[in-house]
């Protein structure tokens, strides 16, 4: 709180409200896709399992169990990012046009 200049919790209440919007107001032109750093991947298959079971089946495994992303199938949901235990191994990037 001190770092942001607030003296009390009550001073923070409602500060984010002007920045909230509806789903319809989201930028639909910007397309995000999953990006996997295969150099630091620990091959736990969590991103693959999450994408197969709850995502868009965009991640496959090669013969060495390293994940590969099909950017055409990837919807940028971020589920893979949430389940990966390795910091910065899986991230979302803007899809190249």
PDB file of N, CA and C in Angstrom:
ATOM      1  N   UNK A   1       0.828  -1.189   0.000  1.00  0.00           N
ATOM      2  CA  UNK A   1       0.000   0.000   0.000  1.00  0.00           C
ATOM      3  C   UNK A   1       0.872   1.253   0.000  1.00  0.00           C
ATOM      4  N   UNK A   2       1.905   1.229   0.824  1.00  0.00           N
ATOM      5  CA  UNK A   2       2.784   2.401   0.902  1.00  0.00           C
ATOM      6  C   UNK A   2       3.425   2.677  -0.452  1.00  0.00           C
ATOM      7  N   UNK A   3       3.845   1.607  -1.132  1.00  0.00           N
ATOM      8  CA  UNK A   3       4.500   1.743  -2.429  1.00  0.00           C
ATOM      9  C   UNK A   3       3.610   2.452  -3.451  1.00  0.00           C
ATOM     10  N   UNK A   4       2.306   2.235  -3.344  1.00  0.00           N
ATOM     11  CA  UNK A   4       1.347   2.842  -4.273  1.00  0.00           C
ATOM     12  C   UNK A   4       0.749   4.138  -3.738  1.00  0.00           C
ATOM     13  N   UNK A   5       1.157   4.535  -2.527  1.00  0.00           N
ATOM     14  CA  UNK A   5       0.713   5.811  -1.985  1.00  0.00           C
ATOM     15  C   UNK A   5      -0.619   5.785  -1.258  1.00  0.00           C
ATOM     16  N   UNK A   6      -1.050   4.615  -0.790  1.00  0.00           N
ATOM     17  CA  UNK A   6      -2.305   4.513  -0.055  1.00  0.00           C
ATOM     18  C   UNK A   6      -2.022   4.437   1.441  1.00  0.00           C
ATOM     19  N   UNK A   7      -2.790   5.185   2.209  1.00  0.00           N
ATOM     20  CA  UNK A   7      -2.644   5.177   3.655  1.00  0.00           C
ATOM     21  C   UNK A   7      -3.539   4.131   4.309  1.00  0.00           C
ATOM     22  N   UNK A   8      -4.628   3.747   3.608  1.00  0.00           N
ATOM     23  CA  UNK A   8      -5.543   2.757   4.175  1.00  0.00           C
ATOM     24  C   UNK A   8      -6.189   1.949   3.052  1.00  0.00           C
ATOM     25  N   UNK A   9      -6.750   0.828   3.421  1.00  0.00           N
ATOM     26  CA  UNK A   9      -7.427  -0.035   2.459  1.00  0.00           C
ATOM     27  C   UNK A   9      -8.630   0.684   1.858  1.00  0.00           C
ATOM     28  N   UNK A  10      -9.329   1.457   2.653  1.00  0.00           N
ATOM     29  CA  UNK A  10     -10.523   2.146   2.163  1.00  0.00           C
ATOM     30  C   UNK A  10     -10.201   3.125   1.018  1.00  0.00           C
ATOM     31  N   UNK A  11      -8.981   3.622   0.941  1.00  0.00           N
ATOM     32  CA  UNK A  11      -8.594   4.505  -0.148  1.00  0.00           C
ATOM     33  C   UNK A  11      -8.494   3.751  -1.483  1.00  0.00           C
ATOM     34  N   UNK A  12      -8.332   2.440  -1.431  1.00  0.00           N
ATOM     35  CA  UNK A  12      -8.207   1.634  -2.652  1.00  0.00           C
ATOM     36  C   UNK A  12      -9.549   1.186  -3.203  1.00  0.00           C
ATOM     37  N   UNK A  13     -10.549   1.159  -2.362  1.00  0.00           N
ATOM     38  CA  UNK A  13     -11.857   0.645  -2.762  1.00  0.00           C
ATOM     39  C   UNK A  13     -12.421   1.435  -3.939  1.00  0.00           C
ATOM     40  N   UNK A  14     -12.764   0.704  -5.005  1.00  0.00           N
ATOM     41  CA  UNK A  14     -13.396   1.300  -6.175  1.00  0.00           C
ATOM     42  C   UNK A  14     -12.448   1.913  -7.200  1.00  0.00           C
ATOM     43  N   UNK A  15     -11.156   1.916  -6.954  1.00  0.00           N
ATOM     44  CA  UNK A  15     -10.200   2.553  -7.873  1.00  0.00           C
ATOM     45  C   UNK A  15     -10.181   1.893  -9.258  1.00  0.00           C
ATOM     46  N   UNK A  16     -10.452   0.614  -9.343  1.00  0.00           N
ATOM     47  CA  UNK A  16     -10.380  -0.099 -10.618  1.00  0.00           C
ATOM     48  C   UNK A  16     -11.659   0.039 -11.448  1.00  0.00           C
ATOM     49  N   UNK A  17     -12.743   0.416 -10.835  1.00  0.00           N
ATOM     50  CA  UNK A  17     -14.031   0.454 -11.530  1.00  0.00           C
ATOM     51  C   UNK A  17     -14.018   1.209 -12.855  1.00  0.00           C
ATOM     52  N   UNK A  18     -13.363   2.367 -12.982  1.00  0.00           N
ATOM     53  CA  UNK A  18     -13.357   3.055 -14.275  1.00  0.00           C
ATOM     54  C   UNK A  18     -12.647   2.280 -15.389  1.00  0.00           C
ATOM     55  N   UNK A  19     -11.810   1.308 -15.026  1.00  0.00           N
ATOM     56  CA  UNK A  19     -11.063   0.545 -16.027  1.00  0.00           C
ATOM     57  C   UNK A  19     -11.763  -0.743 -16.445  1.00  0.00           C
ATOM     58  N   UNK A  20     -12.820  -1.122 -15.754  1.00  0.00           N
ATOM     59  CA  UNK A  20     -13.554  -2.337 -16.092  1.00  0.00           C
ATOM     60  C   UNK A  20     -14.454  -2.091 -17.292  1.00  0.00           C
ATOM     61  N   UNK A  21     -14.587  -3.122 -18.123  1.00  0.00           N
ATOM     62  CA  UNK A  21     -15.445  -2.999 -19.292  1.00  0.00           C
ATOM     63  C   UNK A  21     -16.210  -4.284 -19.536  1.00  0.00           C
ATOM     64  N   UNK A  22     -16.979  -4.290 -20.581  1.00  0.00           N
ATOM     65  CA  UNK A  22     -17.753  -5.477 -20.926  1.00  0.00           C
ATOM     66  C   UNK A  22     -16.950  -6.377 -21.852  1.00  0.00           C
ATOM     67  N   UNK A  23     -17.391  -7.595 -21.998  1.00  0.00           N
ATOM     68  CA  UNK A  23     -16.743  -8.540 -22.894  1.00  0.00           C
ATOM     69  C   UNK A  23     -16.775  -8.018 -24.334  1.00  0.00           C
ATOM     70  N   UNK A  24     -17.846  -7.375 -24.688  1.00  0.00           N
ATOM     71  CA  UNK A  24     -18.002  -6.839 -26.042  1.00  0.00           C
ATOM     72  C   UNK A  24     -16.974  -5.757 -26.360  1.00  0.00           C
ATOM     73  N   UNK A  25     -16.444  -5.099 -25.329  1.00  0.00           N
ATOM     74  CA  UNK A  25     -15.497  -4.011 -25.568  1.00  0.00           C
ATOM     75  C   UNK A  25     -14.050  -4.493 -25.738  1.00  0.00           C
ATOM     76  N   UNK A  26     -13.815  -5.788 -25.612  1.00  0.00           N
ATOM     77  CA  UNK A  26     -12.462  -6.329 -25.776  1.00  0.00           C
ATOM     78  C   UNK A  26     -11.998  -6.199 -27.224  1.00  0.00           C
ATOM     79  N   UNK A  27     -10.706  -6.030 -27.402  1.00  0.00           N
ATOM     80  CA  UNK A  27     -10.109  -5.915 -28.733  1.00  0.00           C
ATOM     81  C   UNK A  27     -10.081  -7.295 -29.390  1.00  0.00           C
ATOM     82  N   UNK A  28     -10.910  -7.497 -30.388  1.00  0.00           N
ATOM     83  CA  UNK A  28     -10.994  -8.790 -31.053  1.00  0.00           C
ATOM     84  C   UNK A  28     -10.024  -8.899 -32.227  1.00  0.00           C
ATOM     85  N   UNK A  29      -9.354  -7.818 -32.562  1.00  0.00           N
ATOM     86  CA  UNK A  29      -8.381  -7.844 -33.656  1.00  0.00           C
ATOM     87  C   UNK A  29      -7.036  -8.398 -33.190  1.00  0.00           C
ATOM     88  N   UNK A  30      -6.739  -8.242 -31.914  1.00  0.00           N
ATOM     89  CA  UNK A  30      -5.490  -8.733 -31.354  1.00  0.00           C
ATOM     90  C   UNK A  30      -5.656 -10.211 -31.023  1.00  0.00           C
ATOM     91  N   UNK A  31      -4.865 -11.070 -31.630  1.00  0.00           N
ATOM     92  CA  UNK A  31      -4.986 -12.516 -31.451  1.00  0.00           C
ATOM     93  C   UNK A  31      -3.777 -13.031 -30.698  1.00  0.00           C
ATOM     94  N   UNK A  32      -4.011 -13.661 -29.573  1.00  0.00           N
ATOM     95  CA  UNK A  32      -2.933 -14.211 -28.757  1.00  0.00           C
ATOM     96  C   UNK A  32      -2.835 -15.719 -28.984  1.00  0.00           C
ATOM     97  N   UNK A  33      -1.615 -16.230 -28.931  1.00  0.00           N
ATOM     98  CA  UNK A  33      -1.377 -17.670 -29.051  1.00  0.00           C
ATOM     99  C   UNK A  33      -0.319 -18.077 -28.030  1.00  0.00           C
ATOM    100  N   UNK A  34      -0.322 -19.346 -27.714  1.00  0.00           N
ATOM    101  CA  UNK A  34       0.618 -19.917 -26.763  1.00  0.00           C
ATOM    102  C   UNK A  34       2.014 -19.994 -27.378  1.00  0.00           C
ATOM    103  N   UNK A  35       3.021 -19.731 -26.579  1.00  0.00           N
ATOM    104  CA  UNK A  35       4.409 -19.863 -26.989  1.00  0.00           C
ATOM    105  C   UNK A  35       5.130 -20.669 -25.910  1.00  0.00           C
ATOM    106  N   UNK A  36       5.822 -21.721 -26.296  1.00  0.00           N
ATOM    107  CA  UNK A  36       6.485 -22.598 -25.335  1.00  0.00           C
ATOM    108  C   UNK A  36       7.992 -22.568 -25.558  1.00  0.00           C
ATOM    109  N   UNK A  37       8.726 -22.292 -24.492  1.00  0.00           N
ATOM    110  CA  UNK A  37      10.185 -22.320 -24.534  1.00  0.00           C
ATOM    111  C   UNK A  37      10.619 -23.765 -24.317  1.00  0.00           C
ATOM    112  N   UNK A  38      10.885 -24.460 -25.391  1.00  0.00           N
ATOM    113  CA  UNK A  38      11.216 -25.882 -25.320  1.00  0.00           C
ATOM    114  C   UNK A  38      12.562 -26.132 -24.650  1.00  0.00           C
ATOM    115  N   UNK A  39      13.416 -25.106 -24.558  1.00  0.00           N
ATOM    116  CA  UNK A  39      14.731 -25.260 -23.924  1.00  0.00           C
ATOM    117  C   UNK A  39      14.639 -25.448 -22.410  1.00  0.00           C
ATOM    118  N   UNK A  40      13.588 -24.913 -21.797  1.00  0.00           N
ATOM    119  CA  UNK A  40      13.463 -25.048 -20.339  1.00  0.00           C
ATOM    120  C   UNK A  40      12.292 -25.950 -19.936  1.00  0.00           C
ATOM    121  N   UNK A  41      11.639 -26.555 -20.903  1.00  0.00           N
ATOM    122  CA  UNK A  41      10.512 -27.449 -20.638  1.00  0.00           C
ATOM    123  C   UNK A  41      10.987 -28.675 -19.860  1.00  0.00           C
ATOM    124  N   UNK A  42      10.238 -29.067 -18.823  1.00  0.00           N
ATOM    125  CA  UNK A  42      10.592 -30.236 -18.009  1.00  0.00           C
ATOM    126  C   UNK A  42       9.831 -31.496 -18.430  1.00  0.00           C
ATOM    127  N   UNK A  43       9.096 -31.410 -19.509  1.00  0.00           N
ATOM    128  CA  UNK A  43       8.382 -32.556 -20.088  1.00  0.00           C
ATOM    129  C   UNK A  43       7.413 -33.213 -19.102  1.00  0.00           C
ATOM    130  N   UNK A  44       6.679 -32.388 -18.357  1.00  0.00           N
ATOM    131  CA  UNK A  44       5.690 -32.945 -17.434  1.00  0.00           C
ATOM    132  C   UNK A  44       4.333 -33.148 -18.112  1.00  0.00           C
ATOM    133  N   UNK A  45       4.200 -32.687 -19.335  1.00  0.00           N
ATOM    134  CA  UNK A  45       2.997 -32.860 -20.157  1.00  0.00           C
ATOM    135  C   UNK A  45       1.767 -32.112 -19.659  1.00  0.00           C
ATOM    136  N   UNK A  46       1.912 -31.257 -18.663  1.00  0.00           N
ATOM    137  CA  UNK A  46       0.743 -30.576 -18.098  1.00  0.00           C
ATOM    138  C   UNK A  46       0.076 -29.642 -19.096  1.00  0.00           C
ATOM    139  N   UNK A  47       0.869 -28.924 -19.897  1.00  0.00           N
ATOM    140  CA  UNK A  47       0.268 -28.036 -20.890  1.00  0.00           C
ATOM    141  C   UNK A  47      -0.474 -28.852 -21.943  1.00  0.00           C
ATOM    142  N   UNK A  48       0.104 -29.958 -22.343  1.00  0.00           N
ATOM    143  CA  UNK A  48      -0.523 -30.839 -23.328  1.00  0.00           C
ATOM    144  C   UNK A  48      -1.845 -31.398 -22.792  1.00  0.00           C
ATOM    145  N   UNK A  49      -1.828 -31.903 -21.569  1.00  0.00           N
ATOM    146  CA  UNK A  49      -3.036 -32.487 -20.969  1.00  0.00           C
ATOM    147  C   UNK A  49      -4.128 -31.430 -20.813  1.00  0.00           C
ATOM    148  N   UNK A  50      -3.741 -30.251 -20.319  1.00  0.00           N
ATOM    149  CA  UNK A  50      -4.726 -29.180 -20.128  1.00  0.00           C
ATOM    150  C   UNK A  50      -5.344 -28.770 -21.456  1.00  0.00           C
ATOM    151  N   UNK A  51      -4.522 -28.665 -22.489  1.00  0.00           N
ATOM    152  CA  UNK A  51      -5.028 -28.243 -23.800  1.00  0.00           C
ATOM    153  C   UNK A  51      -5.905 -29.332 -24.416  1.00  0.00           C
ATOM    154  N   UNK A  52      -5.561 -30.582 -24.210  1.00  0.00           N
ATOM    155  CA  UNK A  52      -6.367 -31.676 -24.750  1.00  0.00           C
ATOM    156  C   UNK A  52      -7.700 -31.788 -24.033  1.00  0.00           C
ATOM    157  N   UNK A  53      -7.668 -31.675 -22.707  1.00  0.00           N
ATOM    158  CA  UNK A  53      -8.878 -31.895 -21.908  1.00  0.00           C
ATOM    159  C   UNK A  53      -9.769 -30.666 -21.784  1.00  0.00           C
ATOM    160  N   UNK A  54      -9.178 -29.492 -21.673  1.00  0.00           N
ATOM    161  CA  UNK A  54      -9.991 -28.311 -21.414  1.00  0.00           C
ATOM    162  C   UNK A  54      -9.769 -27.173 -22.385  1.00  0.00           C
ATOM    163  N   UNK A  55      -8.872 -27.364 -23.309  1.00  0.00           N
ATOM    164  CA  UNK A  55      -8.545 -26.293 -24.243  1.00  0.00           C
ATOM    165  C   UNK A  55      -9.015 -26.592 -25.650  1.00  0.00           C
ATOM    166  N   UNK A  56      -8.154 -26.358 -26.591  1.00  0.00           N
ATOM    167  CA  UNK A  56      -8.531 -26.431 -28.005  1.00  0.00           C
ATOM    168  C   UNK A  56      -7.729 -27.457 -28.796  1.00  0.00           C
ATOM    169  N   UNK A  57      -7.078 -28.386 -28.082  1.00  0.00           N
ATOM    170  CA  UNK A  57      -6.267 -29.439 -28.698  1.00  0.00           C
ATOM    171  C   UNK A  57      -5.214 -28.852 -29.633  1.00  0.00           C
ATOM    172  N   UNK A  58      -4.598 -27.755 -29.218  1.00  0.00           N
ATOM    173  CA  UNK A  58      -3.607 -27.058 -30.039  1.00  0.00           C
ATOM    174  C   UNK A  58      -2.176 -27.479 -29.730  1.00  0.00           C
ATOM    175  N   UNK A  59      -1.966 -28.172 -28.614  1.00  0.00           N
ATOM    176  CA  UNK A  59      -0.620 -28.602 -28.238  1.00  0.00           C
ATOM    177  C   UNK A  59      -0.476 -30.094 -28.484  1.00  0.00           C
ATOM    178  N   UNK A  60       0.599 -30.451 -29.179  1.00  0.00           N
ATOM    179  CA  UNK A  60       0.933 -31.854 -29.413  1.00  0.00           C
ATOM    180  C   UNK A  60       2.312 -32.122 -28.819  1.00  0.00           C
ATOM    181  N   UNK A  61       2.657 -33.383 -28.694  1.00  0.00           N
ATOM    182  CA  UNK A  61       3.976 -33.759 -28.193  1.00  0.00           C
ATOM    183  C   UNK A  61       4.746 -34.456 -29.301  1.00  0.00           C
ATOM    184  N   UNK A  62       6.042 -34.113 -29.417  1.00  0.00           N
ATOM    185  CA  UNK A  62       6.851 -34.794 -30.422  1.00  0.00           C
ATOM    186  C   UNK A  62       7.397 -36.099 -29.840  1.00  0.00           C
ATOM    187  N   UNK A  63       8.249 -36.785 -30.565  1.00  0.00           N
ATOM    188  CA  UNK A  63       8.745 -38.086 -30.115  1.00  0.00           C
ATOM    189  C   UNK A  63       9.636 -37.991 -28.879  1.00  0.00           C
ATOM    190  N   UNK A  64      10.093 -36.775 -28.521  1.00  0.00           N
ATOM    191  CA  UNK A  64      10.883 -36.561 -27.306  1.00  0.00           C
ATOM    192  C   UNK A  64      10.039 -35.993 -26.171  1.00  0.00           C
ATOM    193  N   UNK A  65       8.715 -35.987 -26.365  1.00  0.00           N
ATOM    194  CA  UNK A  65       7.739 -35.454 -25.409  1.00  0.00           C
ATOM    195  C   UNK A  65       7.873 -33.948 -25.218  1.00  0.00           C
ATOM    196  N   UNK A  66       8.393 -33.245 -26.203  1.00  0.00           N
ATOM    197  CA  UNK A  66       8.440 -31.787 -26.154  1.00  0.00           C
ATOM    198  C   UNK A  66       7.186 -31.241 -26.831  1.00  0.00           C
ATOM    199  N   UNK A  67       6.550 -30.251 -26.223  1.00  0.00           N
ATOM    200  CA  UNK A  67       5.306 -29.706 -26.777  1.00  0.00           C
ATOM    201  C   UNK A  67       5.533 -28.821 -28.000  1.00  0.00           C
ATOM    202  N   UNK A  68       4.577 -28.872 -28.899  1.00  0.00           N
ATOM    203  CA  UNK A  68       4.556 -28.014 -30.073  1.00  0.00           C
ATOM    204  C   UNK A  68       3.153 -27.430 -30.191  1.00  0.00           C
ATOM    205  N   UNK A  69       3.064 -26.174 -30.601  1.00  0.00           N
ATOM    206  CA  UNK A  69       1.785 -25.467 -30.661  1.00  0.00           C
ATOM    207  C   UNK A  69       1.346 -25.277 -32.106  1.00  0.00           C
ATOM    208  N   UNK A  70       0.110 -25.647 -32.393  1.00  0.00           N
ATOM    209  CA  UNK A  70      -0.511 -25.362 -33.685  1.00  0.00           C
ATOM    210  C   UNK A  70      -1.220 -24.021 -33.519  1.00  0.00           C
ATOM    211  N   UNK A  71      -0.615 -22.943 -34.036  1.00  0.00           N
ATOM    212  CA  UNK A  71      -1.153 -21.595 -33.836  1.00  0.00           C
ATOM    213  C   UNK A  71      -2.517 -21.405 -34.472  1.00  0.00           C
ATOM    214  N   UNK A  72      -2.869 -22.204 -35.445  1.00  0.00           N
ATOM    215  CA  UNK A  72      -4.194 -22.096 -36.066  1.00  0.00           C
ATOM    216  C   UNK A  72      -5.284 -22.618 -35.127  1.00  0.00           C
ATOM    217  N   UNK A  73      -4.950 -23.597 -34.311  1.00  0.00           N
ATOM    218  CA  UNK A  73      -5.928 -24.150 -33.362  1.00  0.00           C
ATOM    219  C   UNK A  73      -5.952 -23.386 -32.048  1.00  0.00           C
ATOM    220  N   UNK A  74      -4.822 -22.786 -31.684  1.00  0.00           N
ATOM    221  CA  UNK A  74      -4.704 -22.112 -30.385  1.00  0.00           C
ATOM    222  C   UNK A  74      -5.610 -20.886 -30.327  1.00  0.00           C
ATOM    223  N   UNK A  75      -6.404 -20.806 -29.265  1.00  0.00           N
ATOM    224  CA  UNK A  75      -7.316 -19.679 -29.075  1.00  0.00           C
ATOM    225  C   UNK A  75      -6.770 -18.663 -28.076  1.00  0.00           C
ATOM    226  N   UNK A  76      -5.575 -18.913 -27.537  1.00  0.00           N
ATOM    227  CA  UNK A  76      -4.986 -17.979 -26.588  1.00  0.00           C
ATOM    228  C   UNK A  76      -5.689 -17.949 -25.252  1.00  0.00           C
ATOM    229  N   UNK A  77      -6.265 -19.069 -24.846  1.00  0.00           N
ATOM    230  CA  UNK A  77      -7.035 -19.103 -23.590  1.00  0.00           C
ATOM    231  C   UNK A  77      -6.149 -18.979 -22.356  1.00  0.00           C
ATOM    232  N   UNK A  78      -4.879 -19.393 -22.460  1.00  0.00           N
ATOM    233  CA  UNK A  78      -3.952 -19.266 -21.345  1.00  0.00           C
ATOM    234  C   UNK A  78      -3.980 -20.393 -20.350  1.00  0.00           C
ATOM    235  N   UNK A  79      -4.762 -21.432 -20.600  1.00  0.00           N
ATOM    236  CA  UNK A  79      -4.825 -22.562 -19.674  1.00  0.00           C
ATOM    237  C   UNK A  79      -3.451 -23.203 -19.510  1.00  0.00           C
ATOM    238  N   UNK A  80      -2.713 -23.329 -20.592  1.00  0.00           N
ATOM    239  CA  UNK A  80      -1.372 -23.925 -20.546  1.00  0.00           C
ATOM    240  C   UNK A  80      -0.433 -23.099 -19.669  1.00  0.00           C
ATOM    241  N   UNK A  81      -0.570 -21.788 -19.719  1.00  0.00           N
ATOM    242  CA  UNK A  81       0.259 -20.896 -18.913  1.00  0.00           C
ATOM    243  C   UNK A  81      -0.016 -21.134 -17.431  1.00  0.00           C
ATOM    244  N   UNK A  82      -1.275 -21.319 -17.102  1.00  0.00           N
ATOM    245  CA  UNK A  82      -1.671 -21.493 -15.705  1.00  0.00           C
ATOM    246  C   UNK A  82      -1.181 -22.801 -15.102  1.00  0.00           C
ATOM    247  N   UNK A  83      -1.089 -23.864 -15.895  1.00  0.00           N
ATOM    248  CA  UNK A  83      -0.729 -25.169 -15.337  1.00  0.00           C
ATOM    249  C   UNK A  83       0.771 -25.445 -15.352  1.00  0.00           C
ATOM    250  N   UNK A  84       1.536 -24.695 -16.124  1.00  0.00           N
ATOM    251  CA  UNK A  84       2.975 -24.961 -16.232  1.00  0.00           C
ATOM    252  C   UNK A  84       3.695 -24.542 -14.945  1.00  0.00           C
ATOM    253  N   UNK A  85       4.468 -25.463 -14.340  1.00  0.00           N
ATOM    254  CA  UNK A  85       5.175 -25.130 -13.102  1.00  0.00           C
ATOM    255  C   UNK A  85       6.499 -24.400 -13.319  1.00  0.00           C
ATOM    256  N   UNK A  86       6.955 -24.292 -14.568  1.00  0.00           N
ATOM    257  CA  UNK A  86       8.250 -23.678 -14.855  1.00  0.00           C
ATOM    258  C   UNK A  86       8.037 -22.216 -15.236  1.00  0.00           C
ATOM    259  N   UNK A  87       8.618 -21.316 -14.459  1.00  0.00           N
ATOM    260  CA  UNK A  87       8.452 -19.887 -14.691  1.00  0.00           C
ATOM    261  C   UNK A  87       8.904 -19.516 -16.093  1.00  0.00           C
ATOM    262  N   UNK A  88       8.041 -18.826 -16.808  1.00  0.00           N
ATOM    263  CA  UNK A  88       8.326 -18.286 -18.138  1.00  0.00           C
ATOM    264  C   UNK A  88       8.551 -19.331 -19.229  1.00  0.00           C
ATOM    265  N   UNK A  89       8.178 -20.569 -18.974  1.00  0.00           N
ATOM    266  CA  UNK A  89       8.298 -21.597 -20.008  1.00  0.00           C
ATOM    267  C   UNK A  89       7.169 -21.455 -21.022  1.00  0.00           C
ATOM    268  N   UNK A  90       5.975 -21.211 -20.537  1.00  0.00           N
ATOM    269  CA  UNK A  90       4.808 -21.053 -21.409  1.00  0.00           C
ATOM    270  C   UNK A  90       4.280 -19.633 -21.233  1.00  0.00           C
ATOM    271  N   UNK A  91       4.040 -18.967 -22.342  1.00  0.00           N
ATOM    272  CA  UNK A  91       3.518 -17.611 -22.286  1.00  0.00           C
ATOM    273  C   UNK A  91       2.585 -17.379 -23.463  1.00  0.00           C
ATOM    274  N   UNK A  92       1.913 -16.254 -23.437  1.00  0.00           N
ATOM    275  CA  UNK A  92       1.063 -15.866 -24.557  1.00  0.00           C
ATOM    276  C   UNK A  92       1.753 -14.751 -25.308  1.00  0.00           C
ATOM    277  N   UNK A  93       1.711 -14.839 -26.616  1.00  0.00           N
ATOM    278  CA  UNK A  93       2.293 -13.802 -27.468  1.00  0.00           C
ATOM    279  C   UNK A  93       1.270 -13.421 -28.522  1.00  0.00           C
ATOM    280  N   UNK A  94       1.453 -12.241 -29.082  1.00  0.00           N
ATOM    281  CA  UNK A  94       0.553 -11.821 -30.141  1.00  0.00           C
ATOM    282  C   UNK A  94       0.889 -12.602 -31.407  1.00  0.00           C
ATOM    283  N   UNK A  95      -0.140 -13.137 -32.044  1.00  0.00           N
ATOM    284  CA  UNK A  95       0.073 -13.929 -33.247  1.00  0.00           C
ATOM    285  C   UNK A  95       0.514 -13.021 -34.380  1.00  0.00           C
ATOM    286  N   UNK A  96       1.541 -13.462 -35.093  1.00  0.00           N
ATOM    287  CA  UNK A  96       2.012 -12.713 -36.253  1.00  0.00           C
ATOM    288  C   UNK A  96       0.935 -12.716 -37.331  1.00  0.00           C
ATOM    289  N   UNK A  97       0.781 -11.599 -37.987  1.00  0.00           N
ATOM    290  CA  UNK A  97      -0.265 -11.482 -39.002  1.00  0.00           C
ATOM    291  C   UNK A  97       0.157 -12.110 -40.304  1.00  0.00           C
TER     292      UNK A  97
END
